[in-house]
C-alpha atoms as a PDB file:
ATOM      1  CA  UNK A   1     104.974 111.997 102.383  1.00  0.00           C
ATOM      2  CA  UNK A   2     101.971 109.861 103.192  1.00  0.00           C
ATOM      3  CA  UNK A   3     102.589 106.112 103.147  1.00  0.00           C
ATOM      4  CA  UNK A   4      99.476 103.934 102.855  1.00  0.00           C
ATOM      5  CA  UNK A   5      99.207 100.783 104.982  1.00  0.00           C
ATOM      6  CA  UNK A   6      97.443  97.463 104.528  1.00  0.00           C
ATOM      7  CA  UNK A   7      96.592  96.777 100.896  1.00  0.00           C
ATOM      8  CA  UNK A   8      96.035 100.411  99.950  1.00  0.00           C
ATOM      9  CA  UNK A   9      97.446 102.888  97.447  1.00  0.00           C
ATOM     10  CA  UNK A  10      97.788 106.676  97.442  1.00  0.00           C
ATOM     11  CA  UNK A  11      96.467 108.268  94.243  1.00  0.00           C
ATOM     12  CA  UNK A  12      96.462 111.762  92.764  1.00  0.00           C
ATOM     13  CA  UNK A  13      93.455 112.356  90.512  1.00  0.00           C
ATOM     14  CA  UNK A  14      94.042 113.290  86.877  1.00  0.00           C
ATOM     15  CA  UNK A  15      91.881 116.241  85.905  1.00  0.00           C
ATOM     16  CA  UNK A  16      90.090 115.614  82.635  1.00  0.00           C
ATOM     17  CA  UNK A  17      90.186 118.241  79.917  1.00  0.00           C
ATOM     18  CA  UNK A  18      87.211 120.579  79.915  1.00  0.00           C
ATOM     19  CA  UNK A  19      84.869 120.039  76.985  1.00  0.00           C
ATOM     20  CA  UNK A  20      82.383 122.667  75.870  1.00  0.00           C
ATOM     21  CA  UNK A  21      79.355 122.312  73.651  1.00  0.00           C
ATOM     22  CA  UNK A  22      78.045 125.589  72.349  1.00  0.00           C
ATOM     23  CA  UNK A  23      78.012 128.364  74.916  1.00  0.00           C
ATOM     24  CA  UNK A  24      77.038 126.292  77.954  1.00  0.00           C
ATOM     25  CA  UNK A  25      79.503 126.454  80.818  1.00  0.00           C
ATOM     26  CA  UNK A  26      79.170 123.886  83.583  1.00  0.00           C
ATOM     27  CA  UNK A  27      80.180 125.180  87.036  1.00  0.00           C
ATOM     28  CA  UNK A  28      82.923 123.274  88.895  1.00  0.00           C
ATOM     29  CA  UNK A  29      80.469 122.199  91.607  1.00  0.00           C
ATOM     30  CA  UNK A  30      78.322 120.354  89.042  1.00  0.00           C
ATOM     31  CA  UNK A  31      81.187 118.496  87.366  1.00  0.00           C
ATOM     32  CA  UNK A  32      81.903 114.877  88.147  1.00  0.00           C
ATOM     33  CA  UNK A  33      85.215 114.079  89.771  1.00  0.00           C
ATOM     34  CA  UNK A  34      87.588 112.190  87.510  1.00  0.00           C
ATOM     35  CA  UNK A  35      87.911 108.459  88.016  1.00  0.00           C
ATOM     36  CA  UNK A  36      91.497 108.226  86.767  1.00  0.00           C
ATOM     37  CA  UNK A  37      94.670 108.868  88.691  1.00  0.00           C
ATOM     38  CA  UNK A  38      98.390 108.332  89.074  1.00  0.00           C
ATOM     39  CA  UNK A  39      99.633 106.075  91.870  1.00  0.00           C
ATOM     40  CA  UNK A  40     101.793 108.176  94.224  1.00  0.00           C
ATOM     41  CA  UNK A  41     102.454 105.523  96.860  1.00  0.00           C
ATOM     42  CA  UNK A  42     101.891 101.829  97.520  1.00  0.00           C
ATOM     43  CA  UNK A  43     101.653 100.117 100.898  1.00  0.00           C
ATOM     44  CA  UNK A  44     104.379  97.665 101.866  1.00  0.00           C
ATOM     45  CA  UNK A  45     102.943  94.163 102.039  1.00  0.00           C
ATOM     46  CA  UNK A  46     103.954  91.292 104.293  1.00  0.00           C
ATOM     47  CA  UNK A  47     106.471  88.798 102.934  1.00  0.00           C
ATOM     48  CA  UNK A  48     103.808  86.078 102.652  1.00  0.00           C
ATOM     49  CA  UNK A  49     101.314  88.267 100.753  1.00  0.00           C
ATOM     50  CA  UNK A  50     101.125  88.760  97.012  1.00  0.00           C
ATOM     51  CA  UNK A  51     102.416  92.165  95.850  1.00  0.00           C
ATOM     52  CA  UNK A  52      99.876  94.814  94.920  1.00  0.00           C
ATOM     53  CA  UNK A  53      99.017  94.854  91.195  1.00  0.00           C
ATOM     54  CA  UNK A  54     100.177  98.477  90.761  1.00  0.00           C
ATOM     55  CA  UNK A  55     103.335 100.458  91.453  1.00  0.00           C
ATOM     56  CA  UNK A  56     104.205 104.122  91.874  1.00  0.00           C
ATOM     57  CA  UNK A  57     103.695 106.024  88.616  1.00  0.00           C
ATOM     58  CA  UNK A  58     101.009 103.689  87.188  1.00  0.00           C
ATOM     59  CA  UNK A  59      97.910 105.304  85.688  1.00  0.00           C
ATOM     60  CA  UNK A  60      94.759 103.633  87.034  1.00  0.00           C
ATOM     61  CA  UNK A  61      90.988 103.657  86.714  1.00  0.00           C
ATOM     62  CA  UNK A  62      88.840 103.477  89.867  1.00  0.00           C
ATOM     63  CA  UNK A  63      85.167 103.718  90.833  1.00  0.00           C
ATOM     64  CA  UNK A  64      83.573 107.166  91.091  1.00  0.00           C
ATOM     65  CA  UNK A  65      82.742 106.858  94.793  1.00  0.00           C
ATOM     66  CA  UNK A  66      85.783 104.821  95.831  1.00  0.00           C
ATOM     67  CA  UNK A  67      88.360 105.625  98.445  1.00  0.00           C
ATOM     68  CA  UNK A  68      88.889 108.326 101.035  1.00  0.00           C
ATOM     69  CA  UNK A  69      89.771 111.873 100.011  1.00  0.00           C
ATOM     70  CA  UNK A  70      92.528 113.589 101.981  1.00  0.00           C
ATOM     71  CA  UNK A  71      94.469 116.831 101.743  1.00  0.00           C
ATOM     72  CA  UNK A  72      98.189 116.930 102.510  1.00  0.00           C
ATOM     73  CA  UNK A  73     100.419 119.982 102.025  1.00  0.00           C
ATOM     74  CA  UNK A  74      97.750 121.757  99.946  1.00  0.00           C
ATOM     75  CA  UNK A  75      97.449 118.770  97.561  1.00  0.00           C
ATOM     76  CA  UNK A  76      94.402 116.521  97.249  1.00  0.00           C
ATOM     77  CA  UNK A  77      94.879 112.753  97.260  1.00  0.00           C
ATOM     78  CA  UNK A  78      92.750 109.655  97.403  1.00  0.00           C
ATOM     79  CA  UNK A  79      93.517 106.525  99.430  1.00  0.00           C
ATOM     80  CA  UNK A  80      92.106 103.437  97.710  1.00  0.00           C
ATOM     81  CA  UNK A  81      91.792  99.830  98.786  1.00  0.00           C
ATOM     82  CA  UNK A  82      93.170  97.288  96.341  1.00  0.00           C
ATOM     83  CA  UNK A  83      89.582  96.224  95.505  1.00  0.00           C
ATOM     84  CA  UNK A  84      88.699  99.784  94.396  1.00  0.00           C
ATOM     85  CA  UNK A  85      91.203  99.674  91.522  1.00  0.00           C
ATOM     86  CA  UNK A  86      89.356  98.675  88.358  1.00  0.00           C
ATOM     87  CA  UNK A  87      92.193  98.705  85.817  1.00  0.00           C
ATOM     88  CA  UNK A  88      95.691  99.883  84.896  1.00  0.00           C
ATOM     89  CA  UNK A  89      95.768 102.175  81.881  1.00  0.00           C
ATOM     90  CA  UNK A  90      98.338 101.845  79.115  1.00  0.00           C
END
C-alpha cells in the first residue's frame, strides 16, 4: 500500500450518483470529478507535531483542483496536503 509522507493523506474519490434531466446524457469526459473522498491512509507525523485532523476511513471534502492523482494496482487515488482538506463530512 502507498503510505503518504509529510502532512499528506491518501484519498479515494467517491463517485457521485449520475443525475439525468430529460434525455440529455453527459459524456464522462465532460463530467466534473467529485470533490469528496474517503481517507485511505494518513502520514505519520513527528512526535512534536500536532496530529492530522483526519484518520483512515473519514469522509472528506476537498478542492476540485487539489492534490496529485496517482494510479496504484489499477486503482485511482489522490494525495492531498493537509491544507487541501476543506472539511470532514458526517
